[in-house]
């Protein structure tokens, strides 16, 4: 597992709903698809509600990774 030096942000490239799981996978250097599958399975096993609630909270807490919102790198 490789951790990125960049701060945790929602993914603009690996986005299905809000890019939360994609951003976490990019930040920690994990396979995006595998992490999505694990997240869905864990959410279903926890009767889905906690998984949905956690996703919504992360959507609010983690800043967007959109290029127009990111600080310029020069």
N, C-alpha and C. Protein backbone atom coordinates (compact mmCIF):
# COMPACT_ATOMS: atom_id res chain seq x y z
N UNK A 1 0.86 -1.18 0.00
CA UNK A 1 0.00 0.00 0.00
C UNK A 1 0.89 1.23 0.00
N UNK A 2 0.71 2.07 -0.99
CA UNK A 2 1.50 3.27 -1.15
C UNK A 2 0.64 4.47 -0.80
N UNK A 3 1.09 5.29 0.13
CA UNK A 3 0.34 6.47 0.49
C UNK A 3 0.85 7.67 -0.31
N UNK A 4 -0.08 8.40 -0.86
CA UNK A 4 0.24 9.58 -1.64
C UNK A 4 0.64 10.72 -0.70
N UNK A 5 1.48 11.63 -1.18
CA UNK A 5 1.85 12.79 -0.38
C UNK A 5 0.80 13.88 -0.47
N UNK A 6 -0.08 13.79 -1.47
CA UNK A 6 -1.14 14.77 -1.65
C UNK A 6 -2.22 14.56 -0.59
N UNK A 7 -2.93 15.62 -0.22
CA UNK A 7 -4.01 15.46 0.77
C UNK A 7 -5.17 14.64 0.19
N UNK A 8 -5.95 14.06 1.07
CA UNK A 8 -7.09 13.26 0.66
C UNK A 8 -8.14 14.15 0.01
N UNK A 9 -8.54 13.81 -1.20
CA UNK A 9 -9.56 14.54 -1.94
C UNK A 9 -10.46 13.55 -2.65
N UNK A 10 -11.70 13.97 -2.93
CA UNK A 10 -12.59 13.13 -3.73
C UNK A 10 -12.05 13.09 -5.15
N UNK A 11 -12.14 11.93 -5.77
CA UNK A 11 -11.57 11.73 -7.09
C UNK A 11 -12.42 12.38 -8.18
N UNK A 12 -11.75 13.06 -9.08
CA UNK A 12 -12.43 13.60 -10.26
C UNK A 12 -12.36 12.58 -11.40
N UNK A 13 -11.39 11.69 -11.36
CA UNK A 13 -11.20 10.70 -12.42
C UNK A 13 -11.97 9.41 -12.17
N UNK A 14 -12.03 8.95 -10.93
CA UNK A 14 -12.68 7.69 -10.58
C UNK A 14 -13.96 7.96 -9.82
N UNK A 15 -14.87 8.65 -10.45
CA UNK A 15 -16.10 9.07 -9.82
C UNK A 15 -17.27 8.28 -10.37
N UNK A 16 -18.07 7.70 -9.47
CA UNK A 16 -19.34 7.09 -9.88
C UNK A 16 -20.47 7.93 -9.29
N UNK A 17 -20.43 8.19 -8.00
CA UNK A 17 -21.43 9.07 -7.38
C UNK A 17 -20.77 10.40 -7.03
N UNK A 18 -19.89 10.38 -6.04
CA UNK A 18 -19.24 11.63 -5.63
C UNK A 18 -17.72 11.53 -5.63
N UNK A 19 -17.17 10.36 -5.90
CA UNK A 19 -15.72 10.19 -5.95
C UNK A 19 -15.08 9.92 -4.61
N UNK A 20 -15.88 9.60 -3.59
CA UNK A 20 -15.35 9.38 -2.25
C UNK A 20 -14.45 8.14 -2.21
N UNK A 21 -14.97 7.01 -2.63
CA UNK A 21 -14.20 5.76 -2.59
C UNK A 21 -13.03 5.84 -3.57
N UNK A 22 -13.24 6.45 -4.73
CA UNK A 22 -12.15 6.63 -5.69
C UNK A 22 -11.03 7.49 -5.12
N UNK A 23 -11.38 8.54 -4.40
CA UNK A 23 -10.38 9.40 -3.78
C UNK A 23 -9.59 8.69 -2.69
N UNK A 24 -10.28 7.88 -1.90
CA UNK A 24 -9.60 7.10 -0.85
C UNK A 24 -8.64 6.10 -1.49
N UNK A 25 -9.10 5.43 -2.54
CA UNK A 25 -8.25 4.45 -3.24
C UNK A 25 -7.02 5.13 -3.84
N UNK A 26 -7.21 6.28 -4.48
CA UNK A 26 -6.07 7.01 -5.06
C UNK A 26 -5.09 7.44 -3.97
N UNK A 27 -5.61 7.94 -2.86
CA UNK A 27 -4.77 8.45 -1.79
C UNK A 27 -3.88 7.36 -1.19
N UNK A 28 -4.44 6.16 -1.02
CA UNK A 28 -3.69 5.08 -0.41
C UNK A 28 -3.09 4.12 -1.42
N UNK A 29 -3.25 4.39 -2.72
CA UNK A 29 -2.65 3.56 -3.76
C UNK A 29 -3.30 2.20 -3.89
N UNK A 30 -4.60 2.12 -3.69
CA UNK A 30 -5.34 0.86 -3.77
C UNK A 30 -6.08 0.76 -5.10
N UNK A 31 -6.51 -0.46 -5.43
CA UNK A 31 -7.31 -0.70 -6.62
C UNK A 31 -8.71 -0.13 -6.37
N UNK A 32 -9.16 0.77 -7.23
CA UNK A 32 -10.43 1.46 -7.05
C UNK A 32 -11.60 0.48 -7.09
N UNK A 33 -11.61 -0.41 -8.06
CA UNK A 33 -12.71 -1.35 -8.20
C UNK A 33 -12.80 -2.29 -7.00
N UNK A 34 -11.67 -2.80 -6.56
CA UNK A 34 -11.66 -3.70 -5.41
C UNK A 34 -12.16 -2.98 -4.16
N UNK A 35 -11.74 -1.76 -3.93
CA UNK A 35 -12.19 -1.00 -2.77
C UNK A 35 -13.69 -0.74 -2.83
N UNK A 36 -14.21 -0.45 -4.02
CA UNK A 36 -15.66 -0.25 -4.18
C UNK A 36 -16.43 -1.52 -3.81
N UNK A 37 -15.95 -2.66 -4.29
CA UNK A 37 -16.61 -3.93 -4.00
C UNK A 37 -16.57 -4.21 -2.50
N UNK A 38 -15.43 -4.00 -1.87
CA UNK A 38 -15.31 -4.21 -0.42
C UNK A 38 -16.25 -3.27 0.32
N UNK A 39 -16.33 -2.02 -0.08
CA UNK A 39 -17.20 -1.05 0.59
C UNK A 39 -18.67 -1.46 0.47
N UNK A 40 -19.08 -1.90 -0.71
CA UNK A 40 -20.48 -2.31 -0.91
C UNK A 40 -20.79 -3.55 -0.08
N UNK A 41 -19.89 -4.53 -0.08
CA UNK A 41 -20.12 -5.76 0.69
C UNK A 41 -20.21 -5.45 2.17
N UNK A 42 -19.31 -4.63 2.69
CA UNK A 42 -19.35 -4.26 4.10
C UNK A 42 -20.62 -3.48 4.41
N UNK A 43 -21.05 -2.61 3.51
CA UNK A 43 -22.28 -1.85 3.72
C UNK A 43 -23.49 -2.76 3.75
N UNK A 44 -23.54 -3.74 2.86
CA UNK A 44 -24.67 -4.67 2.84
C UNK A 44 -24.68 -5.53 4.10
N UNK A 45 -23.52 -5.99 4.52
CA UNK A 45 -23.46 -6.81 5.73
C UNK A 45 -23.81 -6.03 6.99
N UNK A 46 -23.69 -4.71 6.92
CA UNK A 46 -24.06 -3.88 8.07
C UNK A 46 -25.46 -3.31 7.90
N UNK A 47 -26.29 -3.97 7.12
CA UNK A 47 -27.67 -3.60 6.82
C UNK A 47 -27.76 -2.29 6.05
N UNK A 48 -26.75 -1.95 5.28
CA UNK A 48 -26.70 -0.85 4.32
C UNK A 48 -26.78 0.55 4.91
N UNK A 49 -27.59 0.78 5.91
CA UNK A 49 -27.75 2.15 6.41
C UNK A 49 -26.44 2.77 6.88
N UNK A 50 -25.64 2.11 7.73
CA UNK A 50 -24.39 2.75 8.15
C UNK A 50 -23.46 3.06 6.98
N UNK A 51 -23.43 2.19 5.96
CA UNK A 51 -22.57 2.44 4.81
C UNK A 51 -23.00 3.67 4.03
N UNK A 52 -24.30 3.84 3.89
CA UNK A 52 -24.83 5.02 3.19
C UNK A 52 -24.55 6.27 4.01
N UNK A 53 -24.77 6.20 5.30
CA UNK A 53 -24.53 7.34 6.18
C UNK A 53 -23.05 7.75 6.17
N UNK A 54 -22.17 6.76 6.26
CA UNK A 54 -20.73 7.05 6.24
C UNK A 54 -20.35 7.69 4.91
N UNK A 55 -20.88 7.17 3.80
CA UNK A 55 -20.57 7.73 2.48
C UNK A 55 -21.02 9.19 2.40
N UNK A 56 -22.22 9.48 2.88
CA UNK A 56 -22.72 10.87 2.85
C UNK A 56 -21.86 11.79 3.72
N UNK A 57 -21.46 11.31 4.88
CA UNK A 57 -20.58 12.12 5.75
C UNK A 57 -19.23 12.38 5.08
N UNK A 58 -18.65 11.33 4.47
CA UNK A 58 -17.38 11.51 3.78
C UNK A 58 -17.52 12.46 2.60
N UNK A 59 -18.66 12.42 1.91
CA UNK A 59 -18.93 13.31 0.78
C UNK A 59 -18.88 14.77 1.25
N UNK A 60 -19.41 15.01 2.44
CA UNK A 60 -19.42 16.37 2.99
C UNK A 60 -18.04 16.77 3.51
N UNK A 61 -17.34 15.84 4.15
CA UNK A 61 -16.08 16.16 4.83
C UNK A 61 -14.90 16.26 3.87
N UNK A 62 -14.79 15.33 2.92
CA UNK A 62 -13.62 15.29 2.03
C UNK A 62 -13.80 16.33 0.92
N UNK A 63 -12.82 17.22 0.75
CA UNK A 63 -12.94 18.24 -0.29
C UNK A 63 -12.86 17.64 -1.70
N UNK A 64 -13.45 18.36 -2.64
CA UNK A 64 -13.48 17.91 -4.03
C UNK A 64 -12.09 17.94 -4.65
N UNK A 65 -11.85 17.03 -5.57
CA UNK A 65 -10.57 16.98 -6.26
C UNK A 65 -10.64 17.65 -7.62
N UNK A 66 -11.70 18.42 -7.88
CA UNK A 66 -11.84 19.10 -9.17
C UNK A 66 -10.69 20.05 -9.40
N UNK A 67 -10.19 20.08 -10.63
CA UNK A 67 -9.02 20.90 -10.94
C UNK A 67 -9.28 22.39 -10.76
N UNK A 68 -10.52 22.84 -10.98
CA UNK A 68 -10.77 24.27 -10.83
C UNK A 68 -10.84 24.70 -9.37
N UNK A 69 -11.04 23.73 -8.46
CA UNK A 69 -11.06 24.06 -7.04
C UNK A 69 -9.70 23.87 -6.39
N UNK A 70 -8.83 23.13 -7.03
CA UNK A 70 -7.52 22.84 -6.47
C UNK A 70 -6.60 24.05 -6.63
N UNK A 71 -5.67 24.16 -5.72
CA UNK A 71 -4.69 25.25 -5.80
C UNK A 71 -3.75 25.02 -6.99
N UNK A 72 -3.34 26.08 -7.65
CA UNK A 72 -2.43 25.91 -8.79
C UNK A 72 -1.08 25.37 -8.34
N UNK A 73 -0.50 24.51 -9.17
CA UNK A 73 0.81 23.96 -8.87
C UNK A 73 1.82 24.49 -9.88
N UNK A 74 2.63 25.40 -9.45
CA UNK A 74 3.64 25.95 -10.36
C UNK A 74 4.98 26.06 -9.69
